[in-house]
């Protein structure tokens, strides 16, 4: 269950996300990540959520790219030739 509340901090609007029923294994991993990064668990969780949610628009971005009508085989051949 999630609860989201809007707060005003300084001159910009920020929201607070409360997470309940977080599995122990997830908390353990977050705590280890926080210790390794010298960060709080909250900061690590926000960083990880930020990274995960940035991928949501990738499909739309790729779909908006122009079709250059280059055969897949030509791309693979070029990549393989550059690896040698």
PDB file of N, CA and C in Angstrom:
ATOM      1  N   UNK A   1       0.843  -1.170   0.000  1.00  0.00           N
ATOM      2  CA  UNK A   1       0.000   0.000   0.000  1.00  0.00           C
ATOM      3  C   UNK A   1       0.886   1.230   0.000  1.00  0.00           C
ATOM      4  N   UNK A   2       0.559   2.205  -0.836  1.00  0.00           N
ATOM      5  CA  UNK A   2       1.323   3.429  -0.952  1.00  0.00           C
ATOM      6  C   UNK A   2       0.470   4.616  -0.539  1.00  0.00           C
ATOM      7  N   UNK A   3       1.103   5.585   0.061  1.00  0.00           N
ATOM      8  CA  UNK A   3       0.430   6.851   0.349  1.00  0.00           C
ATOM      9  C   UNK A   3       1.318   7.953  -0.186  1.00  0.00           C
ATOM     10  N   UNK A   4       0.765   8.844  -0.963  1.00  0.00           N
ATOM     11  CA  UNK A   4       1.538   9.950  -1.524  1.00  0.00           C
ATOM     12  C   UNK A   4       0.920  11.245  -1.035  1.00  0.00           C
ATOM     13  N   UNK A   5       1.749  12.129  -0.528  1.00  0.00           N
ATOM     14  CA  UNK A   5       1.268  13.391   0.006  1.00  0.00           C
ATOM     15  C   UNK A   5       2.091  14.509  -0.610  1.00  0.00           C
ATOM     16  N   UNK A   6       1.438  15.584  -1.035  1.00  0.00           N
ATOM     17  CA  UNK A   6       2.139  16.728  -1.604  1.00  0.00           C
ATOM     18  C   UNK A   6       2.594  17.654  -0.487  1.00  0.00           C
ATOM     19  N   UNK A   7       3.853  18.081  -0.571  1.00  0.00           N
ATOM     20  CA  UNK A   7       4.415  19.007   0.393  1.00  0.00           C
ATOM     21  C   UNK A   7       5.060  20.161  -0.355  1.00  0.00           C
ATOM     22  N   UNK A   8       5.150  21.289   0.295  1.00  0.00           N
ATOM     23  CA  UNK A   8       5.866  22.413  -0.296  1.00  0.00           C
ATOM     24  C   UNK A   8       7.170  22.577   0.455  1.00  0.00           C
ATOM     25  N   UNK A   9       8.268  22.538  -0.265  1.00  0.00           N
ATOM     26  CA  UNK A   9       9.586  22.697   0.329  1.00  0.00           C
ATOM     27  C   UNK A   9      10.322  23.766  -0.453  1.00  0.00           C
ATOM     28  N   UNK A  10      10.718  24.799   0.255  1.00  0.00           N
ATOM     29  CA  UNK A  10      11.338  25.950  -0.376  1.00  0.00           C
ATOM     30  C   UNK A  10      10.353  26.476  -1.419  1.00  0.00           C
ATOM     31  N   UNK A  11      10.747  26.746  -2.622  1.00  0.00           N
ATOM     32  CA  UNK A  11       9.810  27.321  -3.592  1.00  0.00           C
ATOM     33  C   UNK A  11       9.278  26.277  -4.552  1.00  0.00           C
ATOM     34  N   UNK A  12       9.574  25.018  -4.340  1.00  0.00           N
ATOM     35  CA  UNK A  12       9.113  23.994  -5.272  1.00  0.00           C
ATOM     36  C   UNK A  12       8.282  22.938  -4.558  1.00  0.00           C
ATOM     37  N   UNK A  13       7.484  22.285  -5.333  1.00  0.00           N
ATOM     38  CA  UNK A  13       6.604  21.269  -4.773  1.00  0.00           C
ATOM     39  C   UNK A  13       7.302  19.909  -4.807  1.00  0.00           C
ATOM     40  N   UNK A  14       7.323  19.220  -3.694  1.00  0.00           N
ATOM     41  CA  UNK A  14       7.863  17.861  -3.619  1.00  0.00           C
ATOM     42  C   UNK A  14       6.803  16.964  -3.010  1.00  0.00           C
ATOM     43  N   UNK A  15       6.900  15.708  -3.282  1.00  0.00           N
ATOM     44  CA  UNK A  15       5.936  14.767  -2.730  1.00  0.00           C
ATOM     45  C   UNK A  15       6.647  13.749  -1.861  1.00  0.00           C
ATOM     46  N   UNK A  16       5.915  13.208  -0.941  1.00  0.00           N
ATOM     47  CA  UNK A  16       6.435  12.192  -0.040  1.00  0.00           C
ATOM     48  C   UNK A  16       5.763  10.873  -0.369  1.00  0.00           C
ATOM     49  N   UNK A  17       6.566   9.835  -0.442  1.00  0.00           N
ATOM     50  CA  UNK A  17       6.072   8.502  -0.739  1.00  0.00           C
ATOM     51  C   UNK A  17       6.321   7.631   0.483  1.00  0.00           C
ATOM     52  N   UNK A  18       5.269   7.055   1.016  1.00  0.00           N
ATOM     53  CA  UNK A  18       5.392   6.141   2.143  1.00  0.00           C
ATOM     54  C   UNK A  18       5.218   4.727   1.611  1.00  0.00           C
ATOM     55  N   UNK A  19       6.147   3.849   1.916  1.00  0.00           N
ATOM     56  CA  UNK A  19       6.061   2.447   1.501  1.00  0.00           C
ATOM     57  C   UNK A  19       5.836   1.579   2.728  1.00  0.00           C
ATOM     58  N   UNK A  20       4.858   0.707   2.622  1.00  0.00           N
ATOM     59  CA  UNK A  20       4.610  -0.243   3.696  1.00  0.00           C
ATOM     60  C   UNK A  20       4.795  -1.645   3.147  1.00  0.00           C
ATOM     61  N   UNK A  21       4.976  -2.584   4.018  1.00  0.00           N
ATOM     62  CA  UNK A  21       5.117  -3.993   3.660  1.00  0.00           C
ATOM     63  C   UNK A  21       6.331  -4.238   2.769  1.00  0.00           C
ATOM     64  N   UNK A  22       7.419  -3.523   3.037  1.00  0.00           N
ATOM     65  CA  UNK A  22       8.663  -3.740   2.298  1.00  0.00           C
ATOM     66  C   UNK A  22       9.285  -5.031   2.831  1.00  0.00           C
ATOM     67  N   UNK A  23       9.533  -5.996   1.952  1.00  0.00           N
ATOM     68  CA  UNK A  23      10.119  -7.262   2.414  1.00  0.00           C
ATOM     69  C   UNK A  23      11.478  -7.044   3.094  1.00  0.00           C
ATOM     70  N   UNK A  24      11.758  -7.866   4.089  1.00  0.00           N
ATOM     71  CA  UNK A  24      13.022  -7.766   4.825  1.00  0.00           C
ATOM     72  C   UNK A  24      14.224  -7.839   3.887  1.00  0.00           C
ATOM     73  N   UNK A  25      14.149  -8.718   2.882  1.00  0.00           N
ATOM     74  CA  UNK A  25      15.285  -8.872   1.963  1.00  0.00           C
ATOM     75  C   UNK A  25      15.553  -7.569   1.211  1.00  0.00           C
ATOM     76  N   UNK A  26      14.499  -6.875   0.824  1.00  0.00           N
ATOM     77  CA  UNK A  26      14.644  -5.600   0.107  1.00  0.00           C
ATOM     78  C   UNK A  26      15.267  -4.560   1.030  1.00  0.00           C
ATOM     79  N   UNK A  27      14.776  -4.478   2.256  1.00  0.00           N
ATOM     80  CA  UNK A  27      15.340  -3.527   3.219  1.00  0.00           C
ATOM     81  C   UNK A  27      16.802  -3.843   3.509  1.00  0.00           C
ATOM     82  N   UNK A  28      17.127  -5.120   3.639  1.00  0.00           N
ATOM     83  CA  UNK A  28      18.520  -5.510   3.888  1.00  0.00           C
ATOM     84  C   UNK A  28      19.419  -5.030   2.755  1.00  0.00           C
ATOM     85  N   UNK A  29      18.966  -5.231   1.508  1.00  0.00           N
ATOM     86  CA  UNK A  29      19.761  -4.801   0.362  1.00  0.00           C
ATOM     87  C   UNK A  29      19.883  -3.280   0.314  1.00  0.00           C
ATOM     88  N   UNK A  30      18.788  -2.582   0.581  1.00  0.00           N
ATOM     89  CA  UNK A  30      18.838  -1.115   0.601  1.00  0.00           C
ATOM     90  C   UNK A  30      19.798  -0.612   1.680  1.00  0.00           C
ATOM     91  N   UNK A  31      19.761  -1.246   2.830  1.00  0.00           N
ATOM     92  CA  UNK A  31      20.653  -0.852   3.922  1.00  0.00           C
ATOM     93  C   UNK A  31      22.114  -1.094   3.552  1.00  0.00           C
ATOM     94  N   UNK A  32      22.400  -2.223   2.910  1.00  0.00           N
ATOM     95  CA  UNK A  32      23.778  -2.498   2.473  1.00  0.00           C
ATOM     96  C   UNK A  32      24.218  -1.478   1.428  1.00  0.00           C
ATOM     97  N   UNK A  33      23.333  -1.159   0.487  1.00  0.00           N
ATOM     98  CA  UNK A  33      23.647  -0.162  -0.533  1.00  0.00           C
ATOM     99  C   UNK A  33      23.909   1.198   0.116  1.00  0.00           C
ATOM    100  N   UNK A  34      23.095   1.539   1.092  1.00  0.00           N
ATOM    101  CA  UNK A  34      23.246   2.829   1.775  1.00  0.00           C
ATOM    102  C   UNK A  34      24.584   2.906   2.499  1.00  0.00           C
ATOM    103  N   UNK A  35      24.930   1.850   3.219  1.00  0.00           N
ATOM    104  CA  UNK A  35      26.218   1.831   3.920  1.00  0.00           C
ATOM    105  C   UNK A  35      27.379   1.947   2.939  1.00  0.00           C
ATOM    106  N   UNK A  36      27.311   1.216   1.846  1.00  0.00           N
ATOM    107  CA  UNK A  36      28.395   1.228   0.857  1.00  0.00           C
ATOM    108  C   UNK A  36      28.552   2.592   0.200  1.00  0.00           C
ATOM    109  N   UNK A  37      27.462   3.334   0.095  1.00  0.00           N
ATOM    110  CA  UNK A  37      27.492   4.655  -0.549  1.00  0.00           C
ATOM    111  C   UNK A  37      27.568   5.798   0.453  1.00  0.00           C
ATOM    112  N   UNK A  38      27.622   5.477   1.739  1.00  0.00           N
ATOM    113  CA  UNK A  38      27.582   6.500   2.805  1.00  0.00           C
ATOM    114  C   UNK A  38      26.388   7.429   2.623  1.00  0.00           C
ATOM    115  N   UNK A  39      25.239   6.814   2.357  1.00  0.00           N
ATOM    116  CA  UNK A  39      24.001   7.551   2.149  1.00  0.00           C
ATOM    117  C   UNK A  39      22.937   6.978   3.074  1.00  0.00           C
ATOM    118  N   UNK A  40      21.832   7.696   3.202  1.00  0.00           N
ATOM    119  CA  UNK A  40      20.701   7.165   3.966  1.00  0.00           C
ATOM    120  C   UNK A  40      19.941   6.163   3.093  1.00  0.00           C
ATOM    121  N   UNK A  41      19.183   5.309   3.746  1.00  0.00           N
ATOM    122  CA  UNK A  41      18.345   4.358   3.011  1.00  0.00           C
ATOM    123  C   UNK A  41      17.356   5.118   2.125  1.00  0.00           C
ATOM    124  N   UNK A  42      16.819   6.203   2.635  1.00  0.00           N
ATOM    125  CA  UNK A  42      15.875   7.006   1.848  1.00  0.00           C
ATOM    126  C   UNK A  42      16.536   7.547   0.592  1.00  0.00           C
ATOM    127  N   UNK A  43      17.748   8.088   0.720  1.00  0.00           N
ATOM    128  CA  UNK A  43      18.453   8.633  -0.447  1.00  0.00           C
ATOM    129  C   UNK A  43      18.741   7.549  -1.472  1.00  0.00           C
ATOM    130  N   UNK A  44      19.135   6.371  -1.008  1.00  0.00           N
ATOM    131  CA  UNK A  44      19.404   5.253  -1.923  1.00  0.00           C
ATOM    132  C   UNK A  44      18.115   4.822  -2.614  1.00  0.00           C
ATOM    133  N   UNK A  45      17.031   4.722  -1.853  1.00  0.00           N
ATOM    134  CA  UNK A  45      15.750   4.318  -2.445  1.00  0.00           C
ATOM    135  C   UNK A  45      15.303   5.323  -3.503  1.00  0.00           C
ATOM    136  N   UNK A  46      15.455   6.608  -3.232  1.00  0.00           N
ATOM    137  CA  UNK A  46      15.078   7.632  -4.215  1.00  0.00           C
ATOM    138  C   UNK A  46      15.970   7.526  -5.446  1.00  0.00           C
ATOM    139  N   UNK A  47      17.272   7.330  -5.245  1.00  0.00           N
ATOM    140  CA  UNK A  47      18.194   7.179  -6.375  1.00  0.00           C
ATOM    141  C   UNK A  47      17.802   5.994  -7.248  1.00  0.00           C
ATOM    142  N   UNK A  48      17.486   4.864  -6.621  1.00  0.00           N
ATOM    143  CA  UNK A  48      17.135   3.666  -7.375  1.00  0.00           C
ATOM    144  C   UNK A  48      15.782   3.818  -8.082  1.00  0.00           C
ATOM    145  N   UNK A  49      14.818   4.431  -7.412  1.00  0.00           N
ATOM    146  CA  UNK A  49      13.524   4.691  -8.051  1.00  0.00           C
ATOM    147  C   UNK A  49      13.687   5.638  -9.227  1.00  0.00           C
ATOM    148  N   UNK A  50      14.530   6.643  -9.075  1.00  0.00           N
ATOM    149  CA  UNK A  50      14.796   7.586 -10.163  1.00  0.00           C
ATOM    150  C   UNK A  50      15.367   6.852 -11.372  1.00  0.00           C
ATOM    151  N   UNK A  51      16.361   6.008 -11.145  1.00  0.00           N
ATOM    152  CA  UNK A  51      16.981   5.269 -12.249  1.00  0.00           C
ATOM    153  C   UNK A  51      15.981   4.328 -12.922  1.00  0.00           C
ATOM    154  N   UNK A  52      15.188   3.634 -12.126  1.00  0.00           N
ATOM    155  CA  UNK A  52      14.221   2.685 -12.688  1.00  0.00           C
ATOM    156  C   UNK A  52      13.125   3.382 -13.482  1.00  0.00           C
ATOM    157  N   UNK A  53      12.663   4.516 -12.988  1.00  0.00           N
ATOM    158  CA  UNK A  53      11.553   5.183 -13.663  1.00  0.00           C
ATOM    159  C   UNK A  53      11.988   5.945 -14.903  1.00  0.00           C
ATOM    160  N   UNK A  54      13.251   6.227 -15.057  1.00  0.00           N
ATOM    161  CA  UNK A  54      13.722   6.894 -16.273  1.00  0.00           C
ATOM    162  C   UNK A  54      13.551   6.005 -17.505  1.00  0.00           C
ATOM    163  N   UNK A  55      13.509   4.707 -17.314  1.00  0.00           N
ATOM    164  CA  UNK A  55      13.372   3.777 -18.442  1.00  0.00           C
ATOM    165  C   UNK A  55      11.960   3.721 -19.001  1.00  0.00           C
ATOM    166  N   UNK A  56      10.983   4.263 -18.305  1.00  0.00           N
ATOM    167  CA  UNK A  56       9.589   4.142 -18.730  1.00  0.00           C
ATOM    168  C   UNK A  56       9.344   4.784 -20.095  1.00  0.00           C
ATOM    169  N   UNK A  57      10.108   5.812 -20.440  1.00  0.00           N
ATOM    170  CA  UNK A  57       9.900   6.516 -21.703  1.00  0.00           C
ATOM    171  C   UNK A  57      10.766   5.991 -22.842  1.00  0.00           C
ATOM    172  N   UNK A  58      11.599   5.002 -22.588  1.00  0.00           N
ATOM    173  CA  UNK A  58      12.499   4.506 -23.624  1.00  0.00           C
ATOM    174  C   UNK A  58      11.767   3.986 -24.858  1.00  0.00           C
ATOM    175  N   UNK A  59      10.694   3.239 -24.684  1.00  0.00           N
ATOM    176  CA  UNK A  59       9.979   2.675 -25.831  1.00  0.00           C
ATOM    177  C   UNK A  59       9.412   3.785 -26.715  1.00  0.00           C
ATOM    178  N   UNK A  60       8.861   4.817 -26.101  1.00  0.00           N
ATOM    179  CA  UNK A  60       8.314   5.935 -26.881  1.00  0.00           C
ATOM    180  C   UNK A  60       9.423   6.676 -27.607  1.00  0.00           C
ATOM    181  N   UNK A  61      10.572   6.827 -26.968  1.00  0.00           N
ATOM    182  CA  UNK A  61      11.704   7.497 -27.600  1.00  0.00           C
ATOM    183  C   UNK A  61      12.171   6.716 -28.825  1.00  0.00           C
ATOM    184  N   UNK A  62      12.343   5.422 -28.673  1.00  0.00           N
ATOM    185  CA  UNK A  62      12.785   4.587 -29.788  1.00  0.00           C
ATOM    186  C   UNK A  62      11.747   4.605 -30.909  1.00  0.00           C
ATOM    187  N   UNK A  63      10.479   4.572 -30.552  1.00  0.00           N
ATOM    188  CA  UNK A  63       9.415   4.588 -31.569  1.00  0.00           C
ATOM    189  C   UNK A  63       9.395   5.900 -32.349  1.00  0.00           C
ATOM    190  N   UNK A  64       9.885   6.977 -31.741  1.00  0.00           N
ATOM    191  CA  UNK A  64       9.868   8.273 -32.419  1.00  0.00           C
ATOM    192  C   UNK A  64      11.049   8.476 -33.364  1.00  0.00           C
ATOM    193  N   UNK A  65      12.031   7.575 -33.314  1.00  0.00           N
ATOM    194  CA  UNK A  65      13.194   7.709 -34.191  1.00  0.00           C
ATOM    195  C   UNK A  65      12.807   7.384 -35.629  1.00  0.00           C
ATOM    196  N   UNK A  66      13.462   8.053 -36.589  1.00  0.00           N
ATOM    197  CA  UNK A  66      13.125   7.779 -37.995  1.00  0.00           C
ATOM    198  C   UNK A  66      13.602   6.392 -38.427  1.00  0.00           C
ATOM    199  N   UNK A  67      12.893   5.799 -39.346  1.00  0.00           N
ATOM    200  CA  UNK A  67      13.277   4.511 -39.920  1.00  0.00           C
ATOM    201  C   UNK A  67      14.219   4.802 -41.084  1.00  0.00           C
ATOM    202  N   UNK A  68      15.483   4.436 -40.942  1.00  0.00           N
ATOM    203  CA  UNK A  68      16.479   4.701 -41.979  1.00  0.00           C
ATOM    204  C   UNK A  68      16.558   3.596 -43.010  1.00  0.00           C
ATOM    205  N   UNK A  69      15.722   2.586 -42.844  1.00  0.00           N
ATOM    206  CA  UNK A  69      15.643   1.478 -43.799  1.00  0.00           C
ATOM    207  C   UNK A  69      17.005   0.823 -44.054  1.00  0.00           C
ATOM    208  N   UNK A  70      17.744   0.613 -42.964  1.00  0.00           N
ATOM    209  CA  UNK A  70      19.028  -0.089 -43.053  1.00  0.00           C
ATOM    210  C   UNK A  70      18.788  -1.516 -42.606  1.00  0.00           C
ATOM    211  N   UNK A  71      19.125  -2.480 -43.453  1.00  0.00           N
ATOM    212  CA  UNK A  71      18.897  -3.887 -43.072  1.00  0.00           C
ATOM    213  C   UNK A  71      19.694  -4.268 -41.813  1.00  0.00           C
ATOM    214  N   UNK A  72      19.083  -5.059 -40.963  1.00  0.00           N
ATOM    215  CA  UNK A  72      19.725  -5.506 -39.727  1.00  0.00           C
ATOM    216  C   UNK A  72      21.040  -6.202 -40.025  1.00  0.00           C
ATOM    217  N   UNK A  73      21.069  -6.994 -41.094  1.00  0.00           N
ATOM    218  CA  UNK A  73      22.284  -7.733 -41.461  1.00  0.00           C
ATOM    219  C   UNK A  73      23.444  -6.779 -41.729  1.00  0.00           C
ATOM    220  N   UNK A  74      23.173  -5.631 -42.331  1.00  0.00           N
ATOM    221  CA  UNK A  74      24.227  -4.657 -42.627  1.00  0.00           C
ATOM    222  C   UNK A  74      24.784  -4.068 -41.335  1.00  0.00           C
ATOM    223  N   UNK A  75      23.927  -3.828 -40.371  1.00  0.00           N
ATOM    224  CA  UNK A  75      24.372  -3.286 -39.086  1.00  0.00           C
ATOM    225  C   UNK A  75      25.232  -4.309 -38.356  1.00  0.00           C
ATOM    226  N   UNK A  76      24.773  -5.552 -38.330  1.00  0.00           N
ATOM    227  CA  UNK A  76      25.526  -6.615 -37.654  1.00  0.00           C
ATOM    228  C   UNK A  76      26.882  -6.797 -38.318  1.00  0.00           C
ATOM    229  N   UNK A  77      26.903  -6.790 -39.626  1.00  0.00           N
ATOM    230  CA  UNK A  77      28.158  -6.963 -40.366  1.00  0.00           C
ATOM    231  C   UNK A  77      29.136  -5.828 -40.034  1.00  0.00           C
ATOM    232  N   UNK A  78      28.642  -4.598 -39.976  1.00  0.00           N
ATOM    233  CA  UNK A  78      29.490  -3.451 -39.651  1.00  0.00           C
ATOM    234  C   UNK A  78      30.043  -3.564 -38.232  1.00  0.00           C
ATOM    235  N   UNK A  79      29.198  -3.921 -37.295  1.00  0.00           N
ATOM    236  CA  UNK A  79      29.653  -4.061 -35.900  1.00  0.00           C
ATOM    237  C   UNK A  79      30.705  -5.151 -35.803  1.00  0.00           C
ATOM    238  N   UNK A  80      30.467  -6.263 -36.428  1.00  0.00           N
ATOM    239  CA  UNK A  80      31.434  -7.367 -36.370  1.00  0.00           C
ATOM    240  C   UNK A  80      32.761  -6.970 -36.999  1.00  0.00           C
ATOM    241  N   UNK A  81      32.724  -6.218 -38.080  1.00  0.00           N
ATOM    242  CA  UNK A  81      33.984  -5.805 -38.729  1.00  0.00           C
ATOM    243  C   UNK A  81      34.780  -4.848 -37.855  1.00  0.00           C
ATOM    244  N   UNK A  82      34.098  -4.042 -37.050  1.00  0.00           N
ATOM    245  CA  UNK A  82      34.777  -3.099 -36.168  1.00  0.00           C
ATOM    246  C   UNK A  82      35.347  -3.776 -34.936  1.00  0.00           C
ATOM    247  N   UNK A  83      34.903  -4.969 -34.632  1.00  0.00           N
ATOM    248  CA  UNK A  83      35.395  -5.694 -33.457  1.00  0.00           C
ATOM    249  C   UNK A  83      36.688  -6.434 -33.750  1.00  0.00           C
ATOM    250  N   UNK A  84      37.036  -6.562 -35.006  1.00  0.00           N
ATOM    251  CA  UNK A  84      38.242  -7.328 -35.348  1.00  0.00           C
ATOM    252  C   UNK A  84      39.485  -6.509 -35.256  1.00  0.00           C
TER     253      UNK A  84
END
